Amino acid sequence: MRETHSARVGLGTRIGRLPHVVGLGLLTLLLLAAVSFAFPPFLEVDNVKSLLDDTALLIMLAVGEMFVLLTRSVDLSVAANAALTGMVVALFNAAHPGAGMLPVIVIAIVMGAVLGAFNGILVWKLRIPSIVVTLGTLSAYRGLVYIVSGGAWVNSGQMSPMFLGLVRVPILGVSVLSWIGFLVAVAAFLFLRFSVSGRNLYAAGNNPNAAAYAGIDVGRMQFLAFVLSGAIAGLAGYLWVARFAVAYTDVASGFELQVIAACVIGGVSITGGVGGVVGVVLGGLFLGIIKNALPVVGISPFWQMAVSGLVITVAVVLNAGARRHEGRRILEESEAGA
């Protein structure tokens, strides 16, 4: 009976986010309509493709961050991870242009996963708060970018045509970069929905003590979340460098704010155990539209950080209110079932 009730409560917690996702979807459509009304060329094909490419990178990193947030942790090093892996694969390609793309992609994913695993080990085995760990590795990974590159840039002239061209190959009118972002989101959705490990991530974040009693190693789930986040960040590092045709120390500097904002706006709770891929994708699209719309409607891009900060603050407040409401509802269901 207890197991049945727990399953019902957990399902109710996830379903409780459905109105949020629907509301965010409608808000995103209204935002798109308003921007298009103010600046009709915003919906031109080339601009929409550019929006999708830029948003694909944000969505990928946000999906990885979502795994970590679900376990009551946070990864502040995702952007630094992407910068470091991007620089390493750019240097590899410059030194071995004939090696092809498979080694580049493998190096990016494996290196990103290793960097994420380092965060996960410190959180899991040493029980250091994730915010402290990843704040430190953020600086460390940024420093390593400078060390491995000697402070120099890797420009498009040093990269092979295949390295640069892969992300731009069109499939059904949409670039490979956008398709990769879509596939990462689909894979994450299927992982969370149908795998035991995916469900355990929710359990570990929603109620760590109950999860431990159920035989779930909460620390191991946190470690897995950091590895997944790191692997996605590593892949995004290559895609970022290839998309903008340059690798340098400050690639994606400060982008972790955008990543966390996309998650929180999308309904991922910073207290763990609540959230989903659909909401994160909508959150990424919402921020992507804002980022691309501000310059074209004549608003200074320097306002982007202020807008993102305001949006994430409002989203945190709304999520906190929703969390309290869910807590009261769960308590009422528990009393009714007693």
C-alpha atoms as a PDB file:
ATOM      1  CA  MET A   1       0.000   0.000   0.000  1.00  0.00           C
ATOM      2  CA  ARG A   2       2.848   2.400   0.872  1.00  0.00           C
ATOM      3  CA  GLU A   3       4.590   1.705  -2.413  1.00  0.00           C
ATOM      4  CA  THR A   4       1.358   2.327  -4.325  1.00  0.00           C
ATOM      5  CA  HIS A   5       0.776   5.592  -2.510  1.00  0.00           C
ATOM      6  CA  SER A   6       4.382   6.735  -3.079  1.00  0.00           C
ATOM      7  CA  ALA A   7       4.102   5.985  -6.772  1.00  0.00           C
ATOM      8  CA  ARG A   8       0.851   7.949  -6.935  1.00  0.00           C
ATOM      9  CA  VAL A   9       2.403  10.922  -5.135  1.00  0.00           C
ATOM     10  CA  GLY A  10       5.469  10.884  -7.377  1.00  0.00           C
ATOM     11  CA  LEU A  11       3.294  10.741 -10.485  1.00  0.00           C
ATOM     12  CA  GLY A  12       1.160  13.541  -9.142  1.00  0.00           C
ATOM     13  CA  THR A  13       4.237  15.674  -8.578  1.00  0.00           C
ATOM     14  CA  ARG A  14       5.295  15.297 -12.222  1.00  0.00           C
ATOM     15  CA  ILE A  15       1.789  15.766 -13.608  1.00  0.00           C
ATOM     16  CA  GLY A  16       1.449  18.867 -11.458  1.00  0.00           C
ATOM     17  CA  ARG A  17       3.984  20.532 -13.717  1.00  0.00           C
ATOM     18  CA  LEU A  18       1.800  20.033 -16.838  1.00  0.00           C
ATOM     19  CA  PRO A  19      -0.037  23.377 -16.453  1.00  0.00           C
ATOM     20  CA  HIS A  20       3.348  25.073 -16.132  1.00  0.00           C
ATOM     21  CA  VAL A  21       4.559  23.532 -19.393  1.00  0.00           C
ATOM     22  CA  VAL A  22       1.346  24.459 -21.205  1.00  0.00           C
ATOM     23  CA  GLY A  23       1.506  27.993 -19.846  1.00  0.00           C
ATOM     24  CA  LEU A  24       5.154  28.350 -20.813  1.00  0.00           C
ATOM     25  CA  GLY A  25       4.378  27.089 -24.307  1.00  0.00           C
ATOM     26  CA  LEU A  26       1.632  29.670 -24.724  1.00  0.00           C
ATOM     27  CA  LEU A  27       3.864  32.403 -23.306  1.00  0.00           C
ATOM     28  CA  THR A  28       6.622  31.465 -25.768  1.00  0.00           C
ATOM     29  CA  LEU A  29       4.180  31.654 -28.671  1.00  0.00           C
ATOM     30  CA  LEU A  30       2.922  35.048 -27.470  1.00  0.00           C
ATOM     31  CA  LEU A  31       6.495  36.298 -27.183  1.00  0.00           C
ATOM     32  CA  LEU A  32       7.266  35.092 -30.700  1.00  0.00           C
ATOM     33  CA  ALA A  33       4.116  36.749 -32.038  1.00  0.00           C
ATOM     34  CA  ALA A  34       4.924  40.039 -30.295  1.00  0.00           C
ATOM     35  CA  VAL A  35       8.490  40.118 -31.612  1.00  0.00           C
ATOM     36  CA  SER A  36       7.310  39.227 -35.117  1.00  0.00           C
ATOM     37  CA  PHE A  37       4.718  41.995 -34.988  1.00  0.00           C
ATOM     38  CA  ALA A  38       7.340  44.545 -33.895  1.00  0.00           C
ATOM     39  CA  PHE A  39       9.924  43.271 -36.385  1.00  0.00           C
ATOM     40  CA  PRO A  40       8.370  41.149 -39.200  1.00  0.00           C
ATOM     41  CA  PRO A  41      11.745  40.009 -40.683  1.00  0.00           C
ATOM     42  CA  PHE A  42      12.327  38.091 -37.435  1.00  0.00           C
ATOM     43  CA  LEU A  43      10.465  35.128 -38.946  1.00  0.00           C
ATOM     44  CA  GLU A  44      12.502  35.067 -42.138  1.00  0.00           C
ATOM     45  CA  VAL A  45      13.911  31.618 -42.902  1.00  0.00           C
ATOM     46  CA  ASP A  46      17.571  32.501 -42.357  1.00  0.00           C
ATOM     47  CA  ASN A  47      16.839  34.185 -39.033  1.00  0.00           C
ATOM     48  CA  VAL A  48      14.734  31.244 -37.828  1.00  0.00           C
ATOM     49  CA  LYS A  49      17.536  28.822 -38.753  1.00  0.00           C
ATOM     50  CA  SER A  50      20.042  30.936 -36.837  1.00  0.00           C
ATOM     51  CA  LEU A  51      17.677  31.026 -33.856  1.00  0.00           C
ATOM     52  CA  LEU A  52      17.359  27.232 -33.899  1.00  0.00           C
ATOM     53  CA  ASP A  53      21.132  26.763 -34.095  1.00  0.00           C
ATOM     54  CA  ASP A  54      21.801  29.123 -31.201  1.00  0.00           C
ATOM     55  CA  THR A  55      18.984  27.639 -29.134  1.00  0.00           C
ATOM     56  CA  ALA A  56      20.126  24.064 -29.822  1.00  0.00           C
ATOM     57  CA  LEU A  57      23.355  24.710 -27.917  1.00  0.00           C
ATOM     58  CA  LEU A  58      21.462  26.231 -24.988  1.00  0.00           C
ATOM     59  CA  ILE A  59      18.949  23.380 -24.920  1.00  0.00           C
ATOM     60  CA  MET A  60      21.670  20.734 -24.964  1.00  0.00           C
ATOM     61  CA  LEU A  61      23.534  22.269 -22.035  1.00  0.00           C
ATOM     62  CA  ALA A  62      20.254  22.856 -20.179  1.00  0.00           C
ATOM     63  CA  VAL A  63      19.225  19.210 -20.605  1.00  0.00           C
ATOM     64  CA  GLY A  64      22.541  18.163 -19.079  1.00  0.00           C
ATOM     65  CA  GLU A  65      22.079  20.651 -16.240  1.00  0.00           C
ATOM     66  CA  MET A  66      18.574  19.297 -15.675  1.00  0.00           C
ATOM     67  CA  PHE A  67      19.965  15.851 -14.802  1.00  0.00           C
ATOM     68  CA  VAL A  68      22.091  17.438 -12.077  1.00  0.00           C
ATOM     69  CA  LEU A  69      19.324  19.671 -10.714  1.00  0.00           C
ATOM     70  CA  LEU A  70      16.999  16.681 -10.429  1.00  0.00           C
ATOM     71  CA  THR A  71      19.382  15.194  -7.838  1.00  0.00           C
ATOM     72  CA  ARG A  72      19.432  18.368  -5.695  1.00  0.00           C
ATOM     73  CA  SER A  73      22.819  19.424  -7.063  1.00  0.00           C
ATOM     74  CA  VAL A  74      23.985  22.123  -9.455  1.00  0.00           C
ATOM     75  CA  ASP A  75      26.715  22.200 -12.111  1.00  0.00           C
ATOM     76  CA  LEU A  76      28.224  25.646 -12.566  1.00  0.00           C
ATOM     77  CA  SER A  77      31.028  24.274 -14.743  1.00  0.00           C
ATOM     78  CA  VAL A  78      29.036  23.211 -17.821  1.00  0.00           C
ATOM     79  CA  ALA A  79      30.072  26.219 -19.906  1.00  0.00           C
ATOM     80  CA  ALA A  80      33.710  25.928 -18.822  1.00  0.00           C
ATOM     81  CA  ASN A  81      33.573  22.217 -19.682  1.00  0.00           C
ATOM     82  CA  ALA A  82      32.318  23.094 -23.162  1.00  0.00           C
ATOM     83  CA  ALA A  83      35.052  25.717 -23.584  1.00  0.00           C
ATOM     84  CA  LEU A  84      37.829  23.310 -22.569  1.00  0.00           C
ATOM     85  CA  THR A  85      36.634  20.381 -24.691  1.00  0.00           C
ATOM     86  CA  GLY A  86      36.001  22.733 -27.594  1.00  0.00           C
ATOM     87  CA  MET A  87      39.553  24.036 -27.404  1.00  0.00           C
ATOM     88  CA  VAL A  88      41.055  20.541 -27.136  1.00  0.00           C
ATOM     89  CA  VAL A  89      39.204  19.174 -30.174  1.00  0.00           C
ATOM     90  CA  ALA A  90      40.009  22.339 -32.139  1.00  0.00           C
ATOM     91  CA  LEU A  91      43.717  21.896 -31.370  1.00  0.00           C
ATOM     92  CA  PHE A  92      43.465  18.195 -32.250  1.00  0.00           C
ATOM     93  CA  ASN A  93      41.833  18.984 -35.565  1.00  0.00           C
ATOM     94  CA  ALA A  94      44.404  21.679 -36.344  1.00  0.00           C
ATOM     95  CA  ALA A  95      47.222  19.197 -35.675  1.00  0.00           C
ATOM     96  CA  HIS A  96      45.560  16.203 -37.384  1.00  0.00           C
ATOM     97  CA  PRO A  97      43.150  17.555 -40.032  1.00  0.00           C
ATOM     98  CA  GLY A  98      43.046  14.228 -41.853  1.00  0.00           C
ATOM     99  CA  ALA A  99      41.894  12.198 -38.848  1.00  0.00           C
ATOM    100  CA  GLY A 100      38.226  12.695 -39.693  1.00  0.00           C
ATOM    101  CA  MET A 101      35.307  13.582 -37.468  1.00  0.00           C
ATOM    102  CA  LEU A 102      34.853  10.382 -35.462  1.00  0.00           C
ATOM    103  CA  PRO A 103      37.918  10.986 -33.235  1.00  0.00           C
ATOM    104  CA  VAL A 104      36.853  14.601 -32.726  1.00  0.00           C
ATOM    105  CA  ILE A 105      33.368  13.654 -31.547  1.00  0.00           C
ATOM    106  CA  VAL A 106      34.625  10.776 -29.381  1.00  0.00           C
ATOM    107  CA  ILE A 107      37.251  12.987 -27.734  1.00  0.00           C
ATOM    108  CA  ALA A 108      34.678  15.699 -27.059  1.00  0.00           C
ATOM    109  CA  ILE A 109      32.125  13.364 -25.453  1.00  0.00           C
ATOM    110  CA  VAL A 110      34.624  11.277 -23.473  1.00  0.00           C
ATOM    111  CA  MET A 111      36.579  14.274 -22.235  1.00  0.00           C
ATOM    112  CA  GLY A 112      33.402  16.076 -21.243  1.00  0.00           C
ATOM    113  CA  ALA A 113      32.209  12.975 -19.379  1.00  0.00           C
ATOM    114  CA  VAL A 114      35.543  12.720 -17.533  1.00  0.00           C
ATOM    115  CA  LEU A 115      35.351  16.358 -16.476  1.00  0.00           C
ATOM    116  CA  GLY A 116      31.796  15.776 -15.288  1.00  0.00           C
ATOM    117  CA  ALA A 117      32.855  12.594 -13.484  1.00  0.00           C
ATOM    118  CA  PHE A 118      35.491  14.570 -11.587  1.00  0.00           C
ATOM    119  CA  ASN A 119      32.738  16.823 -10.255  1.00  0.00           C
ATOM    120  CA  GLY A 120      30.591  13.803  -9.466  1.00  0.00           C
ATOM    121  CA  ILE A 121      33.310  11.973  -7.540  1.00  0.00           C
ATOM    122  CA  LEU A 122      33.929  14.976  -5.309  1.00  0.00           C
ATOM    123  CA  VAL A 123      30.216  15.356  -4.608  1.00  0.00           C
ATOM    124  CA  TRP A 124      29.585  11.622  -4.157  1.00  0.00           C
ATOM    125  CA  LYS A 125      32.622  10.354  -2.279  1.00  0.00           C
ATOM    126  CA  LEU A 126      33.804  13.461  -0.428  1.00  0.00           C
ATOM    127  CA  ARG A 127      30.288  14.857   0.113  1.00  0.00           C
ATOM    128  CA  ILE A 128      31.376  18.357  -0.827  1.00  0.00           C
ATOM    129  CA  PRO A 129      28.436  20.615  -1.763  1.00  0.00           C
ATOM    130  CA  SER A 130      28.047  20.670  -5.531  1.00  0.00           C
ATOM    131  CA  ILE A 131      27.980  24.457  -5.713  1.00  0.00           C
ATOM    132  CA  VAL A 132      31.403  24.592  -4.061  1.00  0.00           C
ATOM    133  CA  VAL A 133      32.844  21.828  -6.245  1.00  0.00           C
ATOM    134  CA  THR A 134      31.636  23.212  -9.546  1.00  0.00           C
ATOM    135  CA  LEU A 135      32.494  26.801  -8.660  1.00  0.00           C
ATOM    136  CA  GLY A 136      36.060  25.572  -8.209  1.00  0.00           C
ATOM    137  CA  THR A 137      36.131  23.455 -11.365  1.00  0.00           C
ATOM    138  CA  LEU A 138      34.604  26.321 -13.331  1.00  0.00           C
ATOM    139  CA  SER A 139      37.744  28.342 -12.631  1.00  0.00           C
ATOM    140  CA  ALA A 140      40.024  25.337 -13.039  1.00  0.00           C
ATOM    141  CA  TYR A 141      38.617  24.358 -16.434  1.00  0.00           C
ATOM    142  CA  ARG A 142      38.794  27.968 -17.643  1.00  0.00           C
ATOM    143  CA  GLY A 143      42.412  28.073 -16.565  1.00  0.00           C
ATOM    144  CA  LEU A 144      43.134  24.835 -18.397  1.00  0.00           C
ATOM    145  CA  VAL A 145      41.764  26.336 -21.605  1.00  0.00           C
ATOM    146  CA  TYR A 146      44.453  29.000 -21.366  1.00  0.00           C
ATOM    147  CA  ILE A 147      47.158  26.465 -20.496  1.00  0.00           C
ATOM    148  CA  VAL A 148      46.462  24.012 -23.325  1.00  0.00           C
ATOM    149  CA  SER A 149      46.148  26.812 -25.886  1.00  0.00           C
ATOM    150  CA  GLY A 150      48.928  29.010 -24.572  1.00  0.00           C
ATOM    151  CA  GLY A 151      46.447  31.862 -24.648  1.00  0.00           C
ATOM    152  CA  ALA A 152      46.207  31.666 -28.450  1.00  0.00           C
ATOM    153  CA  TRP A 153      43.048  31.411 -30.532  1.00  0.00           C
ATOM    154  CA  VAL A 154      42.290  28.614 -32.970  1.00  0.00           C
ATOM    155  CA  ASN A 155      40.712  30.294 -35.978  1.00  0.00           C
ATOM    156  CA  SER A 156      38.708  28.929 -38.891  1.00  0.00           C
ATOM    157  CA  GLY A 157      41.801  28.903 -41.119  1.00  0.00           C
ATOM    158  CA  GLN A 158      43.372  26.300 -38.827  1.00  0.00           C
ATOM    159  CA  MET A 159      40.308  24.038 -38.820  1.00  0.00           C
ATOM    160  CA  SER A 160      39.527  21.501 -41.503  1.00  0.00           C
ATOM    161  CA  PRO A 161      36.522  22.051 -43.820  1.00  0.00           C
ATOM    162  CA  MET A 162      34.875  18.899 -42.448  1.00  0.00           C
ATOM    163  CA  PHE A 163      35.316  20.098 -38.840  1.00  0.00           C
ATOM    164  CA  LEU A 164      33.558  23.349 -39.676  1.00  0.00           C
ATOM    165  CA  GLY A 165      31.075  22.032 -42.202  1.00  0.00           C
ATOM    166  CA  LEU A 166      29.492  19.104 -40.372  1.00  0.00           C
ATOM    167  CA  VAL A 167      27.244  21.263 -38.176  1.00  0.00           C
ATOM    168  CA  ARG A 168      26.050  23.230 -41.209  1.00  0.00           C
ATOM    169  CA  VAL A 169      24.935  20.290 -43.346  1.00  0.00           C
ATOM    170  CA  PRO A 170      21.190  20.743 -43.996  1.00  0.00           C
ATOM    171  CA  ILE A 171      18.765  17.878 -43.415  1.00  0.00           C
ATOM    172  CA  LEU A 172      15.170  18.659 -44.434  1.00  0.00           C
ATOM    173  CA  GLY A 173      16.128  22.313 -44.451  1.00  0.00           C
ATOM    174  CA  VAL A 174      17.455  22.265 -40.881  1.00  0.00           C
ATOM    175  CA  SER A 175      21.144  22.120 -39.942  1.00  0.00           C
ATOM    176  CA  VAL A 176      22.782  19.101 -38.339  1.00  0.00           C
ATOM    177  CA  LEU A 177      23.447  21.252 -35.274  1.00  0.00           C
ATOM    178  CA  SER A 178      19.728  21.787 -34.692  1.00  0.00           C
ATOM    179  CA  TRP A 179      19.016  18.097 -35.313  1.00  0.00           C
ATOM    180  CA  ILE A 180      21.643  17.088 -32.744  1.00  0.00           C
ATOM    181  CA  GLY A 181      20.031  19.382 -30.178  1.00  0.00           C
ATOM    182  CA  PHE A 182      16.646  17.808 -30.927  1.00  0.00           C
ATOM    183  CA  LEU A 183      18.012  14.247 -30.687  1.00  0.00           C
ATOM    184  CA  VAL A 184      19.746  14.957 -27.376  1.00  0.00           C
ATOM    185  CA  ALA A 185      16.444  16.218 -25.967  1.00  0.00           C
ATOM    186  CA  VAL A 186      14.553  13.155 -27.261  1.00  0.00           C
ATOM    187  CA  ALA A 187      17.189  10.778 -25.860  1.00  0.00           C
ATOM    188  CA  ALA A 188      16.998  12.510 -22.470  1.00  0.00           C
ATOM    189  CA  PHE A 189      13.198  12.277 -22.477  1.00  0.00           C
ATOM    190  CA  LEU A 190      13.279   8.554 -23.229  1.00  0.00           C
ATOM    191  CA  PHE A 191      15.997   7.970 -20.621  1.00  0.00           C
ATOM    192  CA  LEU A 192      14.033   9.700 -17.868  1.00  0.00           C
ATOM    193  CA  ARG A 193      10.703   8.212 -18.887  1.00  0.00           C
ATOM    194  CA  PHE A 194      11.570   4.578 -19.505  1.00  0.00           C
ATOM    195  CA  SER A 195      14.858   3.683 -17.772  1.00  0.00           C
ATOM    196  CA  VAL A 196      15.298   2.615 -14.158  1.00  0.00           C
ATOM    197  CA  SER A 197      18.210   5.024 -13.737  1.00  0.00           C
ATOM    198  CA  GLY A 198      16.089   7.878 -15.059  1.00  0.00           C
ATOM    199  CA  ARG A 199      13.345   7.206 -12.528  1.00  0.00           C
ATOM    200  CA  ASN A 200      15.961   6.844  -9.798  1.00  0.00           C
ATOM    201  CA  LEU A 201      17.249  10.347 -10.555  1.00  0.00           C
ATOM    202  CA  TYR A 202      13.803  11.703  -9.687  1.00  0.00           C
ATOM    203  CA  ALA A 203      13.603   9.577  -6.550  1.00  0.00           C
ATOM    204  CA  ALA A 204      17.068  10.611  -5.376  1.00  0.00           C
ATOM    205  CA  GLY A 205      16.205  14.279  -5.675  1.00  0.00           C
ATOM    206  CA  ASN A 206      12.593  14.195  -4.530  1.00  0.00           C
ATOM    207  CA  ASN A 207      13.264  12.392  -1.234  1.00  0.00           C
ATOM    208  CA  PRO A 208      16.868  11.235  -0.697  1.00  0.00           C
ATOM    209  CA  ASN A 209      16.117   9.508   2.608  1.00  0.00           C
ATOM    210  CA  ALA A 210      13.228   7.494   1.193  1.00  0.00           C
ATOM    211  CA  ALA A 211      15.303   6.680  -1.898  1.00  0.00           C
ATOM    212  CA  ALA A 212      18.101   5.344   0.295  1.00  0.00           C
ATOM    213  CA  TYR A 213      15.631   3.152   2.200  1.00  0.00           C
ATOM    214  CA  ALA A 214      14.413   1.853  -1.167  1.00  0.00           C
ATOM    215  CA  GLY A 215      17.945   0.763  -2.052  1.00  0.00           C
ATOM    216  CA  ILE A 216      18.836   3.682  -4.337  1.00  0.00           C
ATOM    217  CA  ASP A 217      22.370   5.002  -3.926  1.00  0.00           C
ATOM    218  CA  VAL A 218      21.741   8.753  -3.966  1.00  0.00           C
ATOM    219  CA  GLY A 219      25.438   9.579  -4.329  1.00  0.00           C
ATOM    220  CA  ARG A 220      25.748   7.259  -7.303  1.00  0.00           C
ATOM    221  CA  MET A 221      22.771   8.955  -8.935  1.00  0.00           C
ATOM    222  CA  GLN A 222      24.428  12.339  -8.434  1.00  0.00           C
ATOM    223  CA  PHE A 223      27.599  10.968  -9.996  1.00  0.00           C
ATOM    224  CA  LEU A 224      25.634   9.651 -12.986  1.00  0.00           C
ATOM    225  CA  ALA A 225      23.939  13.039 -13.410  1.00  0.00           C
ATOM    226  CA  PHE A 226      27.299  14.848 -13.495  1.00  0.00           C
ATOM    227  CA  VAL A 227      28.705  12.369 -16.018  1.00  0.00           C
ATOM    228  CA  LEU A 228      25.701  12.838 -18.310  1.00  0.00           C
ATOM    229  CA  SER A 229      25.888  16.605 -17.938  1.00  0.00           C
ATOM    230  CA  GLY A 230      29.619  16.555 -18.701  1.00  0.00           C
ATOM    231  CA  ALA A 231      29.258  14.323 -21.768  1.00  0.00           C
ATOM    232  CA  ILE A 232      26.594  16.606 -23.244  1.00  0.00           C
ATOM    233  CA  ALA A 233      28.712  19.677 -22.436  1.00  0.00           C
ATOM    234  CA  GLY A 234      31.684  18.078 -24.189  1.00  0.00           C
ATOM    235  CA  LEU A 235      29.672  17.457 -27.345  1.00  0.00           C
ATOM    236  CA  ALA A 236      28.301  20.995 -27.140  1.00  0.00           C
ATOM    237  CA  GLY A 237      31.881  22.252 -26.896  1.00  0.00           C
ATOM    238  CA  TYR A 238      32.739  20.900 -30.338  1.00  0.00           C
ATOM    239  CA  LEU A 239      29.439  22.122 -31.787  1.00  0.00           C
ATOM    240  CA  TRP A 240      29.984  25.602 -30.342  1.00  0.00           C
ATOM    241  CA  VAL A 241      33.507  25.916 -31.774  1.00  0.00           C
ATOM    242  CA  ALA A 242      32.410  24.609 -35.170  1.00  0.00           C
ATOM    243  CA  ARG A 243      29.322  26.837 -35.209  1.00  0.00           C
ATOM    244  CA  PHE A 244      31.267  30.041 -34.538  1.00  0.00           C
ATOM    245  CA  ALA A 245      34.492  28.884 -36.243  1.00  0.00           C
ATOM    246  CA  VAL A 246      36.772  29.941 -33.395  1.00  0.00           C
ATOM    247  CA  ALA A 247      38.098  28.520 -30.119  1.00  0.00           C
ATOM    248  CA  TYR A 248      39.424  30.784 -27.376  1.00  0.00           C
ATOM    249  CA  THR A 249      39.594  31.068 -23.599  1.00  0.00           C
ATOM    250  CA  ASP A 250      36.312  32.905 -23.087  1.00  0.00           C
ATOM    251  CA  VAL A 251      34.069  30.663 -25.198  1.00  0.00           C
ATOM    252  CA  ALA A 252      30.622  30.508 -23.545  1.00  0.00           C
ATOM    253  CA  SER A 253      31.820  32.686 -20.676  1.00  0.00           C
ATOM    254  CA  GLY A 254      28.924  33.288 -18.289  1.00  0.00           C
ATOM    255  CA  PHE A 255      26.661  30.985 -20.275  1.00  0.00           C
ATOM    256  CA  GLU A 256      25.968  28.870 -17.196  1.00  0.00           C
ATOM    257  CA  LEU A 257      23.481  31.564 -16.108  1.00  0.00           C
ATOM    258  CA  GLN A 258      21.509  31.089 -19.320  1.00  0.00           C
ATOM    259  CA  VAL A 259      21.625  27.303 -18.864  1.00  0.00           C
ATOM    260  CA  ILE A 260      20.291  27.365 -15.317  1.00  0.00           C
ATOM    261  CA  ALA A 261      17.700  29.966 -16.301  1.00  0.00           C
ATOM    262  CA  ALA A 262      16.393  27.709 -19.075  1.00  0.00           C
ATOM    263  CA  CYS A 263      15.999  24.868 -16.580  1.00  0.00           C
ATOM    264  CA  VAL A 264      14.259  26.923 -13.902  1.00  0.00           C
ATOM    265  CA  ILE A 265      11.988  28.673 -16.393  1.00  0.00           C
ATOM    266  CA  GLY A 266      11.145  25.232 -17.768  1.00  0.00           C
ATOM    267  CA  GLY A 267       9.888  24.060 -14.377  1.00  0.00           C
ATOM    268  CA  VAL A 268      12.917  22.185 -13.057  1.00  0.00           C
ATOM    269  CA  SER A 269      12.967  22.600  -9.291  1.00  0.00           C
ATOM    270  CA  ILE A 270      16.241  23.724  -7.722  1.00  0.00           C
ATOM    271  CA  THR A 271      15.305  21.587  -4.724  1.00  0.00           C
ATOM    272  CA  GLY A 272      15.380  18.430  -6.853  1.00  0.00           C
ATOM    273  CA  GLY A 273      13.043  15.740  -8.056  1.00  0.00           C
ATOM    274  CA  VAL A 274      10.778  17.842 -10.290  1.00  0.00           C
ATOM    275  CA  GLY A 275      11.081  18.805 -13.941  1.00  0.00           C
ATOM    276  CA  GLY A 276      11.122  17.415 -17.446  1.00  0.00           C
ATOM    277  CA  VAL A 277      12.708  17.724 -20.847  1.00  0.00           C
ATOM    278  CA  VAL A 278       9.731  19.387 -22.545  1.00  0.00           C
ATOM    279  CA  GLY A 279       9.789  22.240 -20.071  1.00  0.00           C
ATOM    280  CA  VAL A 280      13.559  22.675 -20.466  1.00  0.00           C
ATOM    281  CA  VAL A 281      13.229  22.805 -24.259  1.00  0.00           C
ATOM    282  CA  LEU A 282      10.509  25.465 -23.964  1.00  0.00           C
ATOM    283  CA  GLY A 283      12.621  27.381 -21.458  1.00  0.00           C
ATOM    284  CA  GLY A 284      15.544  27.329 -23.884  1.00  0.00           C
ATOM    285  CA  LEU A 285      13.340  28.517 -26.739  1.00  0.00           C
ATOM    286  CA  PHE A 286      11.910  31.288 -24.579  1.00  0.00           C
ATOM    287  CA  LEU A 287      15.376  32.591 -23.691  1.00  0.00           C
ATOM    288  CA  GLY A 288      16.604  32.088 -27.260  1.00  0.00           C
ATOM    289  CA  ILE A 289      13.814  34.273 -28.620  1.00  0.00           C
ATOM    290  CA  ILE A 290      14.582  36.963 -26.044  1.00  0.00           C
ATOM    291  CA  LYS A 291      18.300  36.864 -26.827  1.00  0.00           C
ATOM    292  CA  ASN A 292      17.765  37.131 -30.565  1.00  0.00           C
ATOM    293  CA  ALA A 293      14.907  39.623 -30.315  1.00  0.00           C
ATOM    294  CA  LEU A 294      16.505  42.286 -28.121  1.00  0.00           C
ATOM    295  CA  PRO A 295      19.017  43.497 -30.737  1.00  0.00           C
ATOM    296  CA  VAL A 296      16.590  43.466 -33.666  1.00  0.00           C
ATOM    297  CA  VAL A 297      13.963  45.529 -31.830  1.00  0.00           C
ATOM    298  CA  GLY A 298      16.575  48.110 -30.891  1.00  0.00           C
ATOM    299  CA  ILE A 299      17.283  47.100 -27.286  1.00  0.00           C
ATOM    300  CA  SER A 300      20.926  46.994 -26.245  1.00  0.00           C
ATOM    301  CA  PRO A 301      22.321  43.453 -25.865  1.00  0.00           C
ATOM    302  CA  PHE A 302      23.804  44.578 -22.548  1.00  0.00           C
ATOM    303  CA  TRP A 303      20.275  44.286 -21.160  1.00  0.00           C
ATOM    304  CA  GLN A 304      20.256  40.552 -21.883  1.00  0.00           C
ATOM    305  CA  MET A 305      21.937  39.630 -18.587  1.00  0.00           C
ATOM    306  CA  ALA A 306      19.510  41.866 -16.668  1.00  0.00           C
ATOM    307  CA  VAL A 307      16.515  40.334 -18.445  1.00  0.00           C
ATOM    308  CA  SER A 308      17.788  36.793 -17.860  1.00  0.00           C
ATOM    309  CA  GLY A 309      18.453  37.544 -14.195  1.00  0.00           C
ATOM    310  CA  LEU A 310      14.960  38.986 -13.738  1.00  0.00           C
ATOM    311  CA  VAL A 311      13.335  36.041 -15.517  1.00  0.00           C
ATOM    312  CA  ILE A 312      15.210  33.431 -13.477  1.00  0.00           C
ATOM    313  CA  THR A 313      14.354  35.265 -10.225  1.00  0.00           C
ATOM    314  CA  VAL A 314      10.656  35.310 -11.082  1.00  0.00           C
ATOM    315  CA  ALA A 315      10.808  31.658 -12.144  1.00  0.00           C
ATOM    316  CA  VAL A 316      12.459  30.632  -8.854  1.00  0.00           C
ATOM    317  CA  VAL A 317       9.759  32.455  -6.881  1.00  0.00           C
ATOM    318  CA  LEU A 318       6.994  30.782  -8.902  1.00  0.00           C
ATOM    319  CA  ASN A 319       8.643  27.373  -8.549  1.00  0.00           C
ATOM    320  CA  ALA A 320       8.966  27.838  -4.807  1.00  0.00           C
ATOM    321  CA  GLY A 321       5.271  28.648  -4.588  1.00  0.00           C
ATOM    322  CA  ALA A 322       4.377  25.621  -6.701  1.00  0.00           C
ATOM    323  CA  ARG A 323       6.600  23.418  -4.541  1.00  0.00           C
ATOM    324  CA  ARG A 324       4.825  24.560  -1.363  1.00  0.00           C
ATOM    325  CA  HIS A 325       1.448  23.913  -3.002  1.00  0.00           C
ATOM    326  CA  GLU A 326       2.554  20.417  -4.032  1.00  0.00           C
ATOM    327  CA  GLY A 327       3.816  19.767  -0.511  1.00  0.00           C
ATOM    328  CA  ARG A 328       0.431  20.719   0.977  1.00  0.00           C
ATOM    329  CA  ARG A 329      -1.395  18.555  -1.570  1.00  0.00           C
ATOM    330  CA  ILE A 330       0.842  15.547  -0.868  1.00  0.00           C
ATOM    331  CA  LEU A 331       0.304  15.997   2.885  1.00  0.00           C
ATOM    332  CA  GLU A 332      -3.452  16.120   2.375  1.00  0.00           C
ATOM    333  CA  GLU A 333      -3.319  12.931   0.275  1.00  0.00           C
ATOM    334  CA  SER A 334      -1.213  11.236   2.955  1.00  0.00           C
ATOM    335  CA  GLU A 335      -3.696  12.196   5.687  1.00  0.00           C
ATOM    336  CA  ALA A 336      -6.599  11.030   3.526  1.00  0.00           C
ATOM    337  CA  GLY A 337      -4.896   7.687   2.896  1.00  0.00           C
ATOM    338  CA  ALA A 338      -3.967   7.150   6.521  1.00  0.00           C
END
